[in-house]
Amino acid sequence: MKTASYSRTLLLIALSFLCAPAVADDRHAASVALRLPLLSSRIPKFYSENPETSETRLLPEYRTHTVHFDAHETAVSIKGDHFGKNTVDTDTAYYEAGHFEAGGYTYRLVVYEGIGESDTPLLNTLLIGYDGAGGPTDALLLDSRFSYEEMQKYSDFVIDPETVHIDCYVIQTHDIVDGGEIGDRLEQPIKRLHSRKDYRIENGRFILISPAEGREVEHGN
């Protein structure tokens, strides 16, 4: 009888471990808490741009602290203006810029390199929501920064506990001559607002509430 009782106790203990909710792994142990509202202009510059190739890459000091997306994160479809895939792969590494808590959910701001259309190098900034058990609930692309031929593209964003505001800009850096050929570099690059979108943060998810498209906003850098 004692042997049967002991075996039953071991079985119950094993089942309790199997049924226990998932917890966040140690990939996030060094993550810093972010203060809201968070403006993209206040985030440290994690990247550098090669003037010869126009490629934007993570700086070496941040690259050494990257971790890979896990299988749960790769299963989440990315919302927002993405110029490559709307998912990530487990062989893609990211640097976590920080996190914040809102309404019982955790939101992590991560930066990673990718490849877009025409094999264009991208530097992406992504906001991922996680539930209390550490499982990803949604993902929103805040910025996909790149340069291609006569143009550059980037986004400014503001995050507060309830909303995310994103302004996406396109900068024309070179003149376009007859026939669509790329001409000389412009002395004053032309900056245009490509899109403006607001998302509501609700229960770990990002819900689009107001898009607006296309107007010229300013000249210069």
Protein backbone atom coordinates (compact mmCIF):
# COMPACT_ATOMS: atom_id res chain seq x y z
CA MET A 1 0.00 0.00 0.00
CA LYS A 2 2.81 2.39 0.85
CA THR A 3 4.48 1.66 -2.49
CA ALA A 4 1.26 2.37 -4.39
CA SER A 5 0.70 5.61 -2.47
CA TYR A 6 4.27 6.72 -3.11
CA SER A 7 3.95 5.98 -6.84
CA ARG A 8 0.70 7.91 -7.00
CA THR A 9 2.37 10.90 -5.31
CA LEU A 10 5.21 10.85 -7.84
CA LEU A 11 2.68 10.70 -10.68
CA LEU A 12 0.75 13.68 -9.33
CA ILE A 13 3.96 15.70 -8.99
CA ALA A 14 4.97 14.88 -12.57
CA LEU A 15 1.53 15.84 -13.86
CA SER A 16 1.66 19.13 -11.98
CA PHE A 17 4.87 20.05 -13.81
CA LEU A 18 3.40 19.06 -17.18
CA CYS A 19 0.25 21.10 -16.60
CA ALA A 20 1.98 24.15 -15.12
CA PRO A 21 1.55 27.35 -17.18
CA ALA A 22 4.45 28.45 -19.38
CA VAL A 23 6.76 31.08 -17.92
CA ALA A 24 9.01 33.59 -19.63
CA ASP A 25 12.47 32.19 -20.36
CA ASP A 26 15.78 33.75 -19.42
CA ARG A 27 16.13 35.38 -22.85
CA HIS A 28 14.44 38.41 -21.30
CA ALA A 29 16.36 38.46 -18.02
CA ALA A 30 18.39 41.55 -18.94
CA SER A 31 15.45 43.49 -20.42
CA VAL A 32 15.01 47.05 -19.16
CA ALA A 33 11.66 48.61 -18.28
CA LEU A 34 10.52 51.29 -20.73
CA ARG A 35 8.80 54.50 -19.62
CA LEU A 36 5.65 55.52 -21.44
CA PRO A 37 4.86 57.47 -23.48
CA LEU A 38 7.76 56.20 -25.57
CA LEU A 39 8.86 58.24 -28.60
CA SER A 40 11.03 56.64 -31.27
CA SER A 41 13.23 59.76 -31.19
CA ARG A 42 14.15 58.94 -27.58
CA ILE A 43 15.22 55.36 -28.29
CA PRO A 44 19.00 54.86 -28.55
CA LYS A 45 20.33 54.47 -32.09
CA PHE A 46 20.96 50.73 -32.32
CA TYR A 47 22.09 50.83 -35.94
CA SER A 48 24.51 52.31 -38.43
CA GLU A 49 24.16 52.95 -42.16
CA ASN A 50 26.87 52.08 -44.64
CA PRO A 51 27.24 55.18 -46.90
CA GLU A 52 28.50 53.08 -49.81
CA THR A 53 25.85 50.34 -49.79
CA SER A 54 23.09 52.20 -47.85
CA GLU A 55 22.62 49.04 -45.78
CA THR A 56 21.34 49.59 -42.23
CA ARG A 57 22.72 47.13 -39.66
CA LEU A 58 22.68 46.59 -35.92
CA LEU A 59 25.77 47.99 -34.22
CA PRO A 60 28.25 45.30 -33.08
CA GLU A 61 27.77 46.10 -29.38
CA TYR A 62 24.07 45.22 -29.69
CA ARG A 63 24.53 42.33 -32.10
CA THR A 64 26.47 40.40 -29.43
CA HIS A 65 23.40 40.54 -27.15
CA THR A 66 20.85 39.17 -29.61
CA VAL A 67 18.73 36.05 -29.11
CA HIS A 68 16.70 34.04 -31.59
CA PHE A 69 12.94 34.12 -32.02
CA ASP A 70 11.36 30.95 -30.65
CA ALA A 71 8.77 28.73 -32.34
CA HIS A 72 5.85 30.46 -30.58
CA GLU A 73 6.96 33.92 -31.76
CA THR A 74 7.41 32.73 -35.35
CA ALA A 75 3.78 31.54 -35.42
CA VAL A 76 2.44 35.08 -34.92
CA SER A 77 1.53 37.11 -38.03
CA ILE A 78 3.06 40.59 -37.99
CA LYS A 79 0.73 43.56 -38.45
CA GLY A 80 1.74 46.87 -40.01
CA ASP A 81 3.56 48.00 -43.17
CA HIS A 82 6.04 45.20 -43.74
CA PHE A 83 8.15 45.12 -46.91
CA GLY A 84 9.20 41.52 -46.54
CA LYS A 85 7.53 38.56 -44.85
CA ASN A 86 4.82 39.05 -42.24
CA THR A 87 6.44 36.44 -39.99
CA VAL A 88 9.90 35.79 -38.53
CA ASP A 89 12.04 32.65 -38.49
CA THR A 90 13.78 30.85 -35.64
CA ASP A 91 17.13 31.54 -37.34
CA THR A 92 16.51 35.30 -37.03
CA ALA A 93 18.13 36.98 -34.02
CA TYR A 94 16.84 40.13 -32.31
CA TYR A 95 18.00 42.64 -29.75
CA GLU A 96 15.47 43.51 -27.05
CA ALA A 97 15.41 47.26 -26.48
CA GLY A 98 13.11 46.95 -23.46
CA HIS A 99 9.61 46.13 -22.26
CA PHE A 100 6.57 47.58 -20.51
CA GLU A 101 3.50 46.20 -18.74
CA ALA A 102 -0.10 47.20 -19.39
CA GLY A 103 -3.37 45.56 -18.38
CA GLY A 104 -1.75 42.31 -17.24
CA TYR A 105 0.20 41.87 -20.49
CA THR A 106 3.88 42.40 -21.28
CA TYR A 107 5.00 44.20 -24.45
CA ARG A 108 8.55 43.80 -25.73
CA LEU A 109 10.30 46.15 -28.15
CA VAL A 110 12.77 44.25 -30.33
CA VAL A 111 15.07 45.18 -33.22
CA TYR A 112 16.24 42.76 -35.90
CA GLU A 113 17.66 42.62 -39.41
CA GLY A 114 15.71 41.19 -42.34
CA ILE A 115 15.57 40.95 -46.12
CA GLY A 116 12.77 42.61 -48.07
CA GLU A 117 11.73 42.76 -51.69
CA SER A 118 14.55 42.76 -54.28
CA ASP A 119 16.85 41.42 -51.53
CA THR A 120 16.83 44.82 -49.82
CA PRO A 121 18.38 44.76 -46.29
CA LEU A 122 15.91 45.91 -43.63
CA LEU A 123 16.25 46.94 -40.02
CA ASN A 124 12.94 46.23 -38.30
CA THR A 125 11.57 47.45 -34.97
CA LEU A 126 8.80 45.20 -33.68
CA LEU A 127 6.44 45.39 -30.70
CA ILE A 128 5.31 41.97 -29.43
CA GLY A 129 2.54 41.36 -26.90
CA TYR A 130 2.75 38.48 -24.39
CA ASP A 131 0.14 37.08 -22.02
CA GLY A 132 0.69 36.35 -18.34
CA ALA A 133 2.07 32.89 -19.17
CA GLY A 134 4.70 34.32 -21.51
CA GLY A 135 3.01 33.30 -24.75
CA PRO A 136 3.04 35.79 -27.65
CA THR A 137 -0.38 37.26 -28.47
CA ASP A 138 0.30 39.69 -31.35
CA ALA A 139 3.05 41.62 -33.12
CA LEU A 140 3.13 45.08 -34.70
CA LEU A 141 5.88 46.36 -37.01
CA LEU A 142 6.70 49.90 -35.90
CA ASP A 143 9.54 50.62 -38.31
CA SER A 144 11.09 48.89 -41.32
CA ARG A 145 14.07 51.03 -42.21
CA PHE A 146 15.82 50.67 -45.58
CA SER A 147 17.36 52.44 -48.57
CA TYR A 148 16.72 51.42 -52.17
CA GLU A 149 17.96 53.17 -55.31
CA GLU A 150 16.46 56.71 -55.25
CA MET A 151 14.60 56.52 -51.93
CA GLN A 152 14.81 55.84 -48.20
CA LYS A 153 12.05 54.73 -45.88
CA TYR A 154 11.61 54.85 -42.11
CA SER A 155 8.94 55.44 -39.45
CA ASP A 156 8.51 57.57 -36.36
CA PHE A 157 6.25 56.18 -33.63
CA VAL A 158 4.80 56.94 -30.23
CA ILE A 159 3.69 54.25 -27.75
CA ASP A 160 1.52 54.86 -24.72
CA PRO A 161 -0.33 52.31 -22.54
CA GLU A 162 -3.45 52.39 -24.74
CA THR A 163 -2.37 53.31 -28.28
CA VAL A 164 0.44 53.20 -30.83
CA HIS A 165 0.83 56.01 -33.39
CA ILE A 166 3.02 55.41 -36.49
CA ASP A 167 4.08 57.91 -39.15
CA CYS A 168 5.82 56.24 -42.10
CA TYR A 169 8.02 58.47 -44.29
CA VAL A 170 9.59 58.07 -47.70
CA ILE A 171 12.52 60.29 -48.68
CA GLN A 172 13.37 60.81 -52.35
CA THR A 173 17.16 61.21 -52.44
CA HIS A 174 17.77 61.37 -56.21
CA ASP A 175 16.19 63.10 -59.17
CA ILE A 176 14.06 61.00 -61.54
CA VAL A 177 14.70 61.87 -65.19
CA ASP A 178 12.65 61.11 -68.30
CA GLY A 179 11.95 57.43 -68.71
CA GLY A 180 12.17 56.76 -64.98
CA GLU A 181 15.97 56.72 -64.83
CA ILE A 182 17.68 57.72 -61.59
CA GLY A 183 19.45 61.06 -61.93
CA ASP A 184 21.69 63.12 -59.68
CA ARG A 185 21.43 63.21 -55.91
CA LEU A 186 19.10 65.97 -54.72
CA GLU A 187 20.61 68.81 -52.69
CA GLN A 188 17.34 68.91 -50.74
CA PRO A 189 15.84 65.42 -50.45
CA ILE A 190 12.03 65.38 -50.57
CA LYS A 191 10.36 63.88 -47.53
CA ARG A 192 6.78 62.66 -47.83
CA LEU A 193 4.37 61.11 -45.38
CA HIS A 194 3.63 57.68 -46.82
CA SER A 195 1.10 56.55 -44.21
CA ARG A 196 -0.19 57.47 -40.76
CA LYS A 197 -1.79 54.79 -38.60
CA ASP A 198 -3.09 54.43 -35.06
CA TYR A 199 -3.52 51.15 -33.22
CA ARG A 200 -5.35 50.48 -29.97
CA ILE A 201 -3.57 48.23 -27.47
CA GLU A 202 -6.12 45.84 -26.04
CA ASN A 203 -5.57 42.54 -24.20
CA GLY A 204 -2.16 41.96 -25.74
CA ARG A 205 -3.32 42.79 -29.27
CA PHE A 206 -2.95 45.72 -31.67
CA ILE A 207 -6.17 46.86 -33.34
CA LEU A 208 -6.01 49.30 -36.27
CA ILE A 209 -8.29 52.29 -35.62
CA SER A 210 -7.27 55.06 -38.06
CA PRO A 211 -5.20 54.89 -41.26
CA ALA A 212 -4.36 57.87 -43.48
CA GLU A 213 -2.36 57.84 -46.71
CA GLY A 214 0.07 59.99 -48.71
CA ARG A 215 0.94 63.65 -48.43
CA GLU A 216 4.15 65.67 -48.73
CA VAL A 217 5.19 67.05 -45.35
CA GLU A 218 8.56 68.75 -45.65
CA HIS A 219 11.85 69.13 -47.45
CA GLY A 220 15.26 68.32 -46.05
CA ASN A 221 16.63 65.57 -43.85
